[in-house]
Structure formats: structure tokens, C-alpha cells
């Protein structure tokens, strides 16, 4: 389990040890990093530097929690709403585990709640800073400026920026916001559960809360960018396969795009319909410029009853529920039959490396809101994978309440066991070649059309197929 909190005096030696484990930092850089720690500990009431620390594990669970990474940021003096990201470091033991993205997401969430603003970060171009450069590129910071030879001959200063929008006001009636404040590469922030005393959420609502960390508006914009970059038609209608709570579709509807959602669970469809109705996201003309969302029940290898679309997509590794190459081929043929010429089909798949011991095959996350928490655990059981890349996967989500510091009381939970087929890139290409109506036009490694799958910072496999 990854948890986050602020800086405490006992954290200084942990941060010093973490910095020593990172060869990319020079002795001078480590000294400066610790100076910020010391300044904050000396004046804890000061808001000059803010720290977010990520820990793996919890007290009483196999020893003391381990420092997985930390971030330091603060308001930029003499500016109205600009922030500097001064320092971010992740333990080598937690590379590609989502720790750095989670830290950035938390920072941006705090900035959003303060009204939004501009984040600035500076780094060097020398070889030792290559991982930092790849990270900021991958999480879609903008390269605002480069000053050649700033640090030393051949070591340029690269200035990145990212604008954070203000947090949206809470929806009427206590409905949860449709997106978290920033994208992250692993489950991080869930939405609040039912208020204390209310009925415990059912499985669809609990699933929705557990995966509410995603930045649906940003992912919608990425999907639209895929259509512009790799497709050949404007996007006026979209289809989400395995749509779940349909948060992506709500984001599309806000732009006036007609939406269709298909899911194999009747309970999930009913939940998505109620949630969309509560936000006015169903029905033509809802929410002023909003567009309609139409739902139907269909598995990934069944044809949904929808009109042809310009863009379709399968989110959140749902595609791996199709446990054979033949099932994947059926899905692609169905997707092709529902795409108009020049349209694109986007599949968000698990990185093939996550089926190896060096990959990320276990994620644990939690969200605490008042006296309630949602704990989720996703595990790819690679020790039971077969040679055909078929592997058991388990997901557990538990909503608990804790009153007056007492023992937690479980309100609701669900546990799923499933079987996934996780092809490598060669396997995906073989399946795509069997569907001549589609062309595999891009393989990406992030929600960024400029980050290819071969990029060192790639953490997903996102496939873009074009209807010929």
C-alpha cells in the first residue's frame, strides 16, 4: 500500500538515505535538497516549502513503512499563482510503480484546490538528468524554454511548465466530481464513499469510487489527439467499450460529442445511466452544450446496438478480459464494423513488461476522506502465468469507516478473480494483421501522442488502429 503525508522530523535521515541511493544527483544537489528539508523543519509554520512523502506499507504490516519517494514544491515569490516544483525523487526500488506520478498528482490537486496556477520546474540536460527529462515529457509538462550551457558547457537549463485548472465546485446534491485533478500512472485517489450513516455503496458505485483517480478530461483530450494525429475524420460520435461508470463519455458529452457506451454488466449500465442522469449528461441538449449518452449491454466480443462512430476506445486494461487471440480478433473485427472510414480505435493495454518479475504487477492504493477510506488491491499473479501469456488477476476493493479512532468497520466490498491475456507487442501485431479493415498506426507508451511505446518512460501500451 502506498500512503502519502507531510514532512516530519524523523523523515530527514530517510530522505538523506534516499538521495544517496540516486547517482543522478551530485553531492551539491543532495546538500541543497537537505537544506530545504532543514529550513522546513526549523520553521514548520512557514509555507515556503511544502513536502509530500510517499511510503510503502503501513505500521504493523511487516515493519516500518519504507520511503518510496518525496516531492517538494512551493509558491513562487512575487507571483500571483505560480508554483515551483523544487525537488522530486523516487527510490530505485519503486521505479515504474507510479510513485512519482502520484506525488505530482497530489501537488496538482492541492494547487487546484487553491484556485489553480502555473507550475514551473527546472532541470538540466546532462546525461544524469535524462530520467527527469523523460518523466516531465511523459507527464505532459511543456518545455517552455531552454538556456544553452546554463549549468556548464553542454549542460543546458530546461524549464518546464504545466497549468493547473482550479478545482471544480462540488456537484449539487453531493455528487462526486467526474475527474481527479491530475493524471497519474497508477491508482491513487478514489472518490469519497457514502457519507456516514448513509447506505453502503454497491459494487458499481464502489468500483467507480476506487478508480476515480483518473483525469477523464485529460484522457478525453488524448483520445481526441489520437483521432487528429492518426485518423482522417472529425470526431462527432464516440463509443466506449467496457465503459463502466462512463466518466470518459461524460467528458466527451461536455464538448457536445454524441456518445455511446457498451458494457457487459447490466448493473454497471444501470449505475452509469443513473449517474449520467444525475449530472444531466443523458438526453439531447442536456447541460446546455452537452450531448446525449446512449447505453447498451454488450461484452467486448459482442456487437453493441449503436450507430457507426468516428472514434472508439477500450479503457483501463479491460481488453485483457478477452483471454485468447481469437477473442481479440473478434473484438477488432467488431470495432472495425462500427468505425467510419478514417476513424480510429484506441486500446489502453497493460505494458507487456508487467508480466515479468521486473514489471509492475501489484498495485495497492487508498483514499481517506474523514472517517471513511477505500482500500483497493490489484494483483497480476505472474507466478501463475502460462507460456501463452494468460494470467490470473485479482481485484479487491473495501470501503471502511472509522469512528472516533476506533477499529475500522467494513461498509461494503467486492472481490473479483479474472483471467487476463496480456500479449506482447509482437502478439498484438499478429492479431491486428488478421483484421485487414484496420491498420495499426501507432503504439504509444503514455497518454501522450508524442511518447512512443519504445520510450524509456513508457508505462502503458496504447494501441491506435485506423479504419481503412
Protein backbone atom coordinates (compact mmCIF):
# COMPACT_ATOMS: atom_id res chain seq x y z
CA UNK A 1 0.00 0.00 0.00
CA UNK A 2 1.29 3.48 -0.91
CA UNK A 3 0.31 6.26 1.51
CA UNK A 4 1.21 9.93 1.50
CA UNK A 5 1.75 12.53 4.21
CA UNK A 6 3.69 15.68 5.01
CA UNK A 7 7.21 16.10 6.37
CA UNK A 8 8.12 15.11 9.95
CA UNK A 9 11.45 15.50 11.82
CA UNK A 10 12.10 11.76 11.74
CA UNK A 11 11.96 11.84 7.92
CA UNK A 12 15.25 13.72 7.44
CA UNK A 13 17.55 10.66 7.63
CA UNK A 14 15.16 8.75 5.36
CA UNK A 15 15.35 11.50 2.72
CA UNK A 16 19.14 11.69 3.06
CA UNK A 17 19.38 7.93 2.53
CA UNK A 18 17.08 8.12 -0.48
CA UNK A 19 19.14 10.88 -2.09
CA UNK A 20 22.36 8.92 -1.56
CA UNK A 21 20.81 5.99 -3.44
CA UNK A 22 20.29 8.12 -6.56
CA UNK A 23 23.51 8.50 -8.57
CA UNK A 24 21.89 11.11 -10.83
CA UNK A 25 22.27 13.68 -8.01
CA UNK A 26 25.60 15.33 -7.27
CA UNK A 27 26.83 15.97 -3.74
CA UNK A 28 25.93 19.67 -4.13
CA UNK A 29 22.42 18.79 -5.27
CA UNK A 30 21.91 16.47 -2.31
CA UNK A 31 23.08 19.21 0.02
CA UNK A 32 20.62 21.71 -1.43
CA UNK A 33 17.79 19.21 -1.17
CA UNK A 34 18.52 18.67 2.52
CA UNK A 35 18.76 22.42 3.09
CA UNK A 36 15.10 22.69 2.05
CA UNK A 37 14.22 19.89 4.48
CA UNK A 38 16.10 21.63 7.30
CA UNK A 39 14.51 25.01 6.54
CA UNK A 40 11.05 23.49 6.69
CA UNK A 41 11.68 21.58 9.90
CA UNK A 42 13.18 24.72 11.51
CA UNK A 43 10.05 26.75 10.69
CA UNK A 44 7.17 24.27 10.44
CA UNK A 45 4.59 27.08 10.32
CA UNK A 46 6.17 28.56 7.20
CA UNK A 47 4.55 27.86 3.83
CA UNK A 48 7.72 28.48 1.80
CA UNK A 49 8.38 24.81 1.07
CA UNK A 50 5.76 22.10 1.05
CA UNK A 51 6.62 18.41 1.18
CA UNK A 52 4.68 15.34 0.11
CA UNK A 53 6.17 11.97 1.10
CA UNK A 54 5.09 8.57 -0.25
CA UNK A 55 5.53 5.48 1.92
CA UNK A 56 5.10 1.82 1.08
CA UNK A 57 3.47 -0.26 3.79
CA UNK A 58 1.70 0.69 6.98
CA UNK A 59 2.59 0.43 10.65
CA UNK A 60 2.08 -3.10 11.92
CA UNK A 61 2.39 -4.64 8.45
CA UNK A 62 5.82 -6.23 8.34
CA UNK A 63 7.92 -3.48 9.88
CA UNK A 64 8.17 0.28 9.42
CA UNK A 65 6.89 1.83 6.18
CA UNK A 66 9.58 2.48 3.56
CA UNK A 67 10.08 5.88 1.97
CA UNK A 68 9.22 5.37 -1.70
CA UNK A 69 9.70 8.96 -2.80
CA UNK A 70 9.09 12.59 -1.98
CA UNK A 71 8.31 15.92 -3.61
CA UNK A 72 8.99 19.49 -2.53
CA UNK A 73 7.20 22.49 -4.01
CA UNK A 74 6.03 25.96 -3.02
CA UNK A 75 4.64 29.25 -4.21
CA UNK A 76 7.00 31.31 -6.33
CA UNK A 77 7.75 34.63 -4.57
CA UNK A 78 6.34 37.80 -6.15
CA UNK A 79 3.84 35.93 -8.32
CA UNK A 80 0.08 35.68 -8.03
CA UNK A 81 -0.44 31.98 -8.74
CA UNK A 82 2.82 30.38 -9.84
CA UNK A 83 4.44 27.46 -8.05
CA UNK A 84 7.92 25.96 -8.26
CA UNK A 85 8.43 22.20 -8.14
CA UNK A 86 11.78 22.24 -6.37
CA UNK A 87 12.53 18.58 -5.90
CA UNK A 88 11.16 15.15 -6.71
CA UNK A 89 12.95 11.87 -6.00
CA UNK A 90 11.85 8.23 -6.13
CA UNK A 91 13.59 5.23 -4.60
CA UNK A 92 15.11 2.90 -7.21
CA UNK A 93 13.09 0.11 -5.57
CA UNK A 94 9.88 1.79 -6.74
CA UNK A 95 10.78 2.69 -10.32
CA UNK A 96 7.82 2.46 -12.71
CA UNK A 97 5.44 1.98 -9.79
CA UNK A 98 3.55 5.25 -10.15
CA UNK A 99 5.11 6.91 -7.10
CA UNK A 100 6.43 9.98 -8.96
CA UNK A 101 3.19 10.47 -10.84
CA UNK A 102 1.23 10.11 -7.63
CA UNK A 103 3.36 12.80 -5.98
CA UNK A 104 2.83 15.18 -8.89
CA UNK A 105 -0.89 14.40 -8.87
CA UNK A 106 -1.14 15.26 -5.17
CA UNK A 107 0.73 18.52 -5.68
CA UNK A 108 -1.54 19.49 -8.56
CA UNK A 109 -4.60 18.55 -6.54
CA UNK A 110 -3.55 20.95 -3.77
CA UNK A 111 -2.85 23.70 -6.30
CA UNK A 112 -6.24 23.11 -7.92
CA UNK A 113 -7.98 23.47 -4.56
CA UNK A 114 -6.15 26.78 -4.04
CA UNK A 115 -7.56 28.14 -7.29
CA UNK A 116 -5.12 26.73 -9.82
CA UNK A 117 -1.99 28.23 -11.27
CA UNK A 118 1.20 27.63 -13.20
CA UNK A 119 3.78 25.04 -12.11
CA UNK A 120 7.40 25.61 -13.09
CA UNK A 121 10.23 23.11 -12.84
CA UNK A 122 13.87 23.43 -13.87
CA UNK A 123 16.23 20.60 -14.74
CA UNK A 124 19.46 20.08 -16.61
CA UNK A 125 20.17 18.37 -19.90
CA UNK A 126 23.22 16.39 -18.81
CA UNK A 127 23.07 12.62 -19.02
CA UNK A 128 22.40 12.18 -15.31
CA UNK A 129 19.17 14.13 -15.62
CA UNK A 130 17.88 12.06 -18.55
CA UNK A 131 15.29 10.26 -16.43
CA UNK A 132 13.89 13.58 -15.18
CA UNK A 133 13.64 14.94 -18.72
CA UNK A 134 11.83 11.79 -19.89
CA UNK A 135 9.48 11.96 -16.92
CA UNK A 136 8.41 15.56 -17.47
CA UNK A 137 7.94 14.89 -21.17
CA UNK A 138 5.88 11.79 -20.42
CA UNK A 139 3.55 13.51 -17.94
CA UNK A 140 2.95 16.29 -20.46
CA UNK A 141 4.78 19.21 -18.90
CA UNK A 142 5.57 21.78 -21.60
CA UNK A 143 9.15 22.71 -22.46
CA UNK A 144 8.82 26.46 -22.07
CA UNK A 145 12.47 27.45 -22.51
CA UNK A 146 15.99 26.13 -22.91
CA UNK A 147 19.08 28.13 -21.92
CA UNK A 148 22.14 26.61 -23.53
CA UNK A 149 25.23 25.90 -21.37
CA UNK A 150 23.48 27.28 -18.28
CA UNK A 151 24.97 24.88 -15.72
CA UNK A 152 28.15 24.09 -17.63
CA UNK A 153 29.26 23.76 -21.25
CA UNK A 154 26.93 21.20 -22.78
CA UNK A 155 24.60 21.16 -19.75
CA UNK A 156 21.55 23.25 -20.65
CA UNK A 157 18.82 24.54 -18.38
CA UNK A 158 15.41 23.17 -19.39
CA UNK A 159 12.37 24.96 -17.97
CA UNK A 160 9.12 23.02 -17.93
CA UNK A 161 5.68 24.40 -17.11
CA UNK A 162 2.23 22.98 -16.58
CA UNK A 163 -1.02 24.86 -15.98
CA UNK A 164 -3.35 23.52 -13.31
CA UNK A 165 -7.02 24.42 -13.57
CA UNK A 166 -8.99 25.37 -10.47
CA UNK A 167 -10.83 22.52 -8.79
CA UNK A 168 -14.41 22.20 -9.99
CA UNK A 169 -17.05 23.05 -7.38
CA UNK A 170 -18.83 20.10 -5.83
CA UNK A 171 -21.85 18.97 -7.81
CA UNK A 172 -25.31 19.70 -6.45
CA UNK A 173 -26.67 17.13 -4.05
CA UNK A 174 -23.20 15.94 -3.05
CA UNK A 175 -22.43 14.13 -6.33
CA UNK A 176 -18.74 13.46 -6.75
CA UNK A 177 -16.65 15.30 -9.29
CA UNK A 178 -16.13 13.47 -12.55
CA UNK A 179 -12.34 13.60 -12.55
CA UNK A 180 -9.35 13.81 -10.28
CA UNK A 181 -7.21 16.96 -10.57
CA UNK A 182 -4.31 15.38 -12.42
CA UNK A 183 -3.36 12.27 -14.33
CA UNK A 184 -1.40 9.53 -12.66
CA UNK A 185 0.10 6.37 -13.84
CA UNK A 186 -1.34 4.15 -11.14
CA UNK A 187 -4.39 4.08 -8.94
CA UNK A 188 -4.13 6.86 -6.41
CA UNK A 189 -7.12 8.90 -5.40
CA UNK A 190 -10.56 7.41 -5.01
CA UNK A 191 -13.72 9.44 -4.60
CA UNK A 192 -15.47 9.62 -1.25
CA UNK A 193 -17.81 6.83 -0.27
CA UNK A 194 -21.32 7.37 1.01
CA UNK A 195 -21.48 9.81 3.94
CA UNK A 196 -21.52 8.36 7.41
CA UNK A 197 -24.93 6.93 8.18
CA UNK A 198 -25.89 6.51 4.52
CA UNK A 199 -26.32 3.19 2.79
CA UNK A 200 -23.08 1.48 1.81
CA UNK A 201 -22.28 1.79 -1.90
CA UNK A 202 -22.98 -1.17 -4.17
CA UNK A 203 -20.34 -2.75 -6.37
CA UNK A 204 -20.70 -0.37 -9.38
CA UNK A 205 -20.52 2.69 -7.12
CA UNK A 206 -17.59 1.25 -5.20
CA UNK A 207 -15.78 0.43 -8.44
CA UNK A 208 -16.44 3.99 -9.63
CA UNK A 209 -15.01 5.41 -6.41
CA UNK A 210 -11.94 3.18 -6.43
CA UNK A 211 -10.98 4.23 -9.97
CA UNK A 212 -11.93 7.86 -9.61
CA UNK A 213 -8.27 8.93 -9.58
CA UNK A 214 -8.18 9.20 -13.37
CA UNK A 215 -8.19 12.58 -15.11
CA UNK A 216 -11.03 11.88 -17.51
CA UNK A 217 -10.90 15.26 -19.23
CA UNK A 218 -7.18 14.87 -19.94
CA UNK A 219 -7.69 11.32 -21.23
CA UNK A 220 -10.55 12.53 -23.43
CA UNK A 221 -8.23 15.16 -24.88
CA UNK A 222 -5.62 12.46 -25.51
CA UNK A 223 -8.18 10.34 -27.38
CA UNK A 224 -9.15 13.33 -29.48
CA UNK A 225 -5.46 13.98 -30.17
CA UNK A 226 -5.13 10.38 -31.39
CA UNK A 227 -8.02 10.96 -33.78
CA UNK A 228 -6.42 14.15 -35.11
CA UNK A 229 -2.91 12.74 -35.39
CA UNK A 230 -3.66 9.25 -36.70
CA UNK A 231 -7.21 9.39 -38.06
CA UNK A 232 -8.82 11.12 -41.01
CA UNK A 233 -12.18 12.42 -39.83
CA UNK A 234 -13.55 14.85 -37.22
CA UNK A 235 -14.93 13.28 -34.07
CA UNK A 236 -18.69 13.72 -33.79
CA UNK A 237 -19.65 10.34 -32.32
CA UNK A 238 -17.69 8.12 -29.91
CA UNK A 239 -18.12 4.63 -28.48
CA UNK A 240 -16.62 3.42 -25.21
CA UNK A 241 -16.33 -0.36 -24.98
CA UNK A 242 -16.34 -1.66 -21.37
CA UNK A 243 -17.50 1.83 -20.45
CA UNK A 244 -18.00 1.11 -16.74
CA UNK A 245 -19.29 4.23 -14.95
CA UNK A 246 -18.91 6.17 -18.25
CA UNK A 247 -16.79 9.01 -16.87
CA UNK A 248 -14.89 9.34 -20.16
CA UNK A 249 -18.20 9.65 -22.00
CA UNK A 250 -19.39 12.38 -19.65
CA UNK A 251 -16.21 14.29 -20.52
CA UNK A 252 -16.93 13.86 -24.24
CA UNK A 253 -20.57 14.91 -23.76
CA UNK A 254 -19.39 18.17 -22.18
CA UNK A 255 -17.87 19.04 -25.57
CA UNK A 256 -21.09 18.29 -27.44
CA UNK A 257 -19.89 14.93 -28.80
CA UNK A 258 -22.59 12.27 -29.17
CA UNK A 259 -21.66 9.26 -27.03
CA UNK A 260 -22.43 5.56 -26.81
CA UNK A 261 -21.34 3.27 -24.01
CA UNK A 262 -21.31 -0.54 -24.03
CA UNK A 263 -20.64 -2.75 -21.03
CA UNK A 264 -21.23 -6.41 -20.26
CA UNK A 265 -22.66 -5.72 -16.79
CA UNK A 266 -26.33 -4.80 -16.59
CA UNK A 267 -25.78 -3.44 -13.08
CA UNK A 268 -22.96 -1.21 -14.28
CA UNK A 269 -25.07 0.08 -17.18
CA UNK A 270 -27.89 0.92 -14.77
CA UNK A 271 -25.45 2.71 -12.47
CA UNK A 272 -23.90 4.66 -15.38
CA UNK A 273 -27.36 5.71 -16.56
CA UNK A 274 -28.31 6.96 -13.10
CA UNK A 275 -25.02 8.79 -12.68
CA UNK A 276 -25.33 10.45 -16.10
CA UNK A 277 -28.94 11.42 -15.40
CA UNK A 278 -27.93 12.94 -12.08
CA UNK A 279 -25.45 15.17 -13.92
CA UNK A 280 -27.78 15.93 -16.80
CA UNK A 281 -25.41 14.11 -19.14
CA UNK A 282 -28.10 11.99 -20.83
CA UNK A 283 -30.64 13.25 -23.29
CA UNK A 284 -30.08 15.53 -26.25
CA UNK A 285 -29.19 19.04 -25.32
CA UNK A 286 -28.55 18.31 -21.66
CA UNK A 287 -26.36 20.77 -19.77
CA UNK A 288 -26.55 23.44 -22.43
CA UNK A 289 -23.85 22.43 -24.91
CA UNK A 290 -23.79 18.85 -23.67
CA UNK A 291 -24.66 15.90 -25.87
CA UNK A 292 -26.53 12.66 -25.34
CA UNK A 293 -25.07 9.44 -23.94
CA UNK A 294 -26.71 6.21 -25.05
CA UNK A 295 -26.00 2.93 -23.26
CA UNK A 296 -26.38 -0.70 -24.28
CA UNK A 297 -25.32 -4.04 -22.86
CA UNK A 298 -22.60 -5.84 -24.83
CA UNK A 299 -19.42 -7.70 -24.00
CA UNK A 300 -16.15 -6.84 -25.68
CA UNK A 301 -16.65 -9.61 -28.23
CA UNK A 302 -20.33 -8.81 -28.88
CA UNK A 303 -21.66 -6.19 -31.26
CA UNK A 304 -23.31 -3.30 -29.41
CA UNK A 305 -26.50 -1.83 -30.84
CA UNK A 306 -25.07 1.57 -31.77
CA UNK A 307 -24.68 3.63 -34.91
CA UNK A 308 -21.24 3.90 -36.58
CA UNK A 309 -18.77 6.20 -34.82
CA UNK A 310 -15.69 8.27 -35.60
CA UNK A 311 -13.74 7.18 -32.51
CA UNK A 312 -13.97 4.18 -30.22
CA UNK A 313 -11.84 3.08 -27.30
CA UNK A 314 -11.33 0.44 -24.60
CA UNK A 315 -10.05 1.94 -21.31
CA UNK A 316 -8.23 0.70 -18.22
CA UNK A 317 -6.83 -2.64 -19.46
CA UNK A 318 -10.36 -4.02 -19.88
CA UNK A 319 -9.27 -5.51 -23.20
CA UNK A 320 -7.35 -8.23 -21.34
CA UNK A 321 -10.62 -9.86 -20.30
CA UNK A 322 -10.56 -11.33 -23.80
CA UNK A 323 -8.39 -14.28 -22.89
CA UNK A 324 -7.40 -15.61 -26.33
CA UNK A 325 -6.02 -14.20 -29.59
CA UNK A 326 -9.22 -15.36 -31.32
CA UNK A 327 -11.34 -13.30 -28.91
CA UNK A 328 -9.15 -10.24 -29.53
CA UNK A 329 -9.56 -10.74 -33.26
CA UNK A 330 -13.36 -10.88 -32.87
CA UNK A 331 -13.28 -7.64 -30.94
CA UNK A 332 -11.17 -5.89 -33.57
CA UNK A 333 -13.50 -7.06 -36.35
CA UNK A 334 -16.48 -5.70 -34.44
CA UNK A 335 -14.67 -2.42 -33.78
CA UNK A 336 -13.86 -2.13 -37.48
CA UNK A 337 -17.51 -2.74 -38.40
CA UNK A 338 -18.61 0.18 -36.19
CA UNK A 339 -15.93 2.66 -37.27
CA UNK A 340 -16.47 5.01 -40.18
CA UNK A 341 -13.61 5.17 -42.73
CA UNK A 342 -10.74 7.19 -41.29
CA UNK A 343 -11.95 6.65 -37.72
CA UNK A 344 -9.67 5.28 -35.01
CA UNK A 345 -9.96 2.64 -32.31
CA UNK A 346 -7.75 3.15 -29.22
CA UNK A 347 -6.93 0.36 -26.77
CA UNK A 348 -5.36 1.13 -23.39
CA UNK A 349 -3.49 -2.08 -22.57
CA UNK A 350 -1.15 -3.23 -19.82
CA UNK A 351 2.57 -2.87 -20.51
CA UNK A 352 3.87 -6.33 -21.54
CA UNK A 353 6.76 -5.96 -19.09
CA UNK A 354 4.26 -6.14 -16.24
CA UNK A 355 4.03 -9.86 -16.90
CA UNK A 356 7.69 -10.20 -15.85
CA UNK A 357 9.34 -10.04 -12.41
CA UNK A 358 10.77 -6.59 -13.23
CA UNK A 359 7.36 -5.20 -14.14
CA UNK A 360 4.64 -3.59 -12.05
CA UNK A 361 2.28 -6.44 -11.24
CA UNK A 362 0.92 -5.31 -7.89
CA UNK A 363 -0.85 -2.03 -7.05
CA UNK A 364 -2.32 -1.03 -3.70
CA UNK A 365 -3.90 2.31 -3.06
CA UNK A 366 -6.13 4.01 -0.56
CA UNK A 367 -8.15 7.18 -0.15
CA UNK A 368 -9.12 8.59 3.22
CA UNK A 369 -11.97 11.07 3.49
CA UNK A 370 -12.98 11.95 7.01
CA UNK A 371 -13.87 8.73 8.83
CA UNK A 372 -14.06 6.65 5.66
CA UNK A 373 -11.48 5.02 3.46
CA UNK A 374 -11.47 2.96 0.29
CA UNK A 375 -8.66 0.42 0.04
CA UNK A 376 -8.01 -1.28 -3.28
CA UNK A 377 -5.58 -4.01 -4.29
CA UNK A 378 -4.92 -5.12 -7.85
CA UNK A 379 -2.57 -8.02 -8.46
CA UNK A 380 -1.36 -9.76 -11.61
CA UNK A 381 -0.35 -13.23 -10.40
CA UNK A 382 2.67 -13.62 -12.65
CA UNK A 383 3.79 -16.73 -10.75
CA UNK A 384 0.75 -18.49 -12.25
CA UNK A 385 1.07 -17.18 -15.80
CA UNK A 386 1.22 -19.78 -18.54
CA UNK A 387 3.51 -19.70 -21.61
CA UNK A 388 0.67 -18.24 -23.70
CA UNK A 389 0.72 -15.07 -21.53
CA UNK A 390 -2.56 -15.92 -19.81
CA UNK A 391 -2.52 -14.96 -16.14
CA UNK A 392 -4.92 -14.78 -13.15
CA UNK A 393 -5.72 -11.27 -11.91
CA UNK A 394 -7.42 -10.28 -8.67
CA UNK A 395 -9.04 -7.01 -7.62
CA UNK A 396 -10.27 -6.26 -4.10
CA UNK A 397 -11.96 -3.02 -3.05
CA UNK A 398 -13.08 -2.39 0.53
CA UNK A 399 -14.91 0.66 1.86
CA UNK A 400 -14.48 1.09 5.64
CA UNK A 401 -15.49 3.61 8.28
CA UNK A 402 -13.61 4.50 11.43
CA UNK A 403 -15.40 6.44 14.16
CA UNK A 404 -13.60 8.26 16.99
CA UNK A 405 -10.32 6.46 16.33
CA UNK A 406 -11.84 3.02 16.80
CA UNK A 407 -11.31 -0.09 14.74
CA UNK A 408 -12.40 0.22 11.10
CA UNK A 409 -15.83 -1.15 10.22
CA UNK A 410 -16.33 -2.52 6.71
CA UNK A 411 -19.27 -0.89 4.93
CA UNK A 412 -19.04 -2.69 1.63
CA UNK A 413 -16.58 -4.55 -0.55
CA UNK A 414 -16.15 -6.64 -3.64
CA UNK A 415 -13.54 -9.11 -4.77
CA UNK A 416 -13.04 -10.19 -8.36
CA UNK A 417 -10.99 -13.00 -9.82
CA UNK A 418 -10.45 -12.96 -13.57
CA UNK A 419 -8.15 -14.28 -16.26
CA UNK A 420 -6.24 -11.90 -18.49
CA UNK A 421 -4.42 -12.41 -21.74
CA UNK A 422 -1.56 -9.88 -21.99
CA UNK A 423 0.10 -10.09 -25.41
CA UNK A 424 3.49 -8.65 -26.09
CA UNK A 425 3.79 -6.14 -28.92
CA UNK A 426 4.50 -8.87 -31.46
CA UNK A 427 1.34 -10.66 -30.36
CA UNK A 428 -0.73 -7.52 -30.81
CA UNK A 429 0.70 -7.02 -34.29
CA UNK A 430 -0.19 -10.59 -35.29
CA UNK A 431 -3.79 -10.14 -34.16
CA UNK A 432 -4.10 -6.77 -35.91
CA UNK A 433 -2.76 -8.22 -39.16
CA UNK A 434 -5.71 -10.65 -39.24
CA UNK A 435 -8.17 -7.74 -39.48
CA UNK A 436 -7.45 -6.12 -42.85
CA UNK A 437 -10.05 -3.39 -42.31
CA UNK A 438 -7.84 -1.92 -39.60
CA UNK A 439 -4.26 -0.67 -39.68
CA UNK A 440 -2.15 -0.48 -36.51
CA UNK A 441 -0.89 3.08 -36.98
CA UNK A 442 0.66 3.84 -33.57
CA UNK A 443 1.87 2.15 -30.39
CA UNK A 444 2.23 4.65 -27.56
CA UNK A 445 3.65 4.40 -24.06
CA UNK A 446 1.59 7.05 -22.28
CA UNK A 447 -1.44 9.31 -22.64
CA UNK A 448 0.63 11.47 -24.95
CA UNK A 449 0.76 11.12 -28.73
CA UNK A 450 4.43 12.13 -28.66
CA UNK A 451 5.53 9.29 -26.33
CA UNK A 452 6.10 6.07 -28.32
CA UNK A 453 5.95 2.65 -26.72
CA UNK A 454 9.73 2.37 -27.06
CA UNK A 455 10.24 5.47 -24.89
CA UNK A 456 12.17 4.84 -21.67
CA UNK A 457 9.33 6.37 -19.63
CA UNK A 458 6.61 4.23 -21.23
CA UNK A 459 4.36 2.63 -18.62
CA UNK A 460 1.37 1.53 -20.73
CA UNK A 461 0.85 0.06 -24.17
CA UNK A 462 -1.70 2.16 -26.02
CA UNK A 463 -2.60 0.89 -29.47
CA UNK A 464 -4.15 3.10 -32.13
CA UNK A 465 -5.85 1.39 -35.07
CA UNK A 466 -7.27 3.23 -38.09
CA UNK A 467 -10.27 2.12 -40.13
CA UNK A 468 -9.23 1.90 -43.77
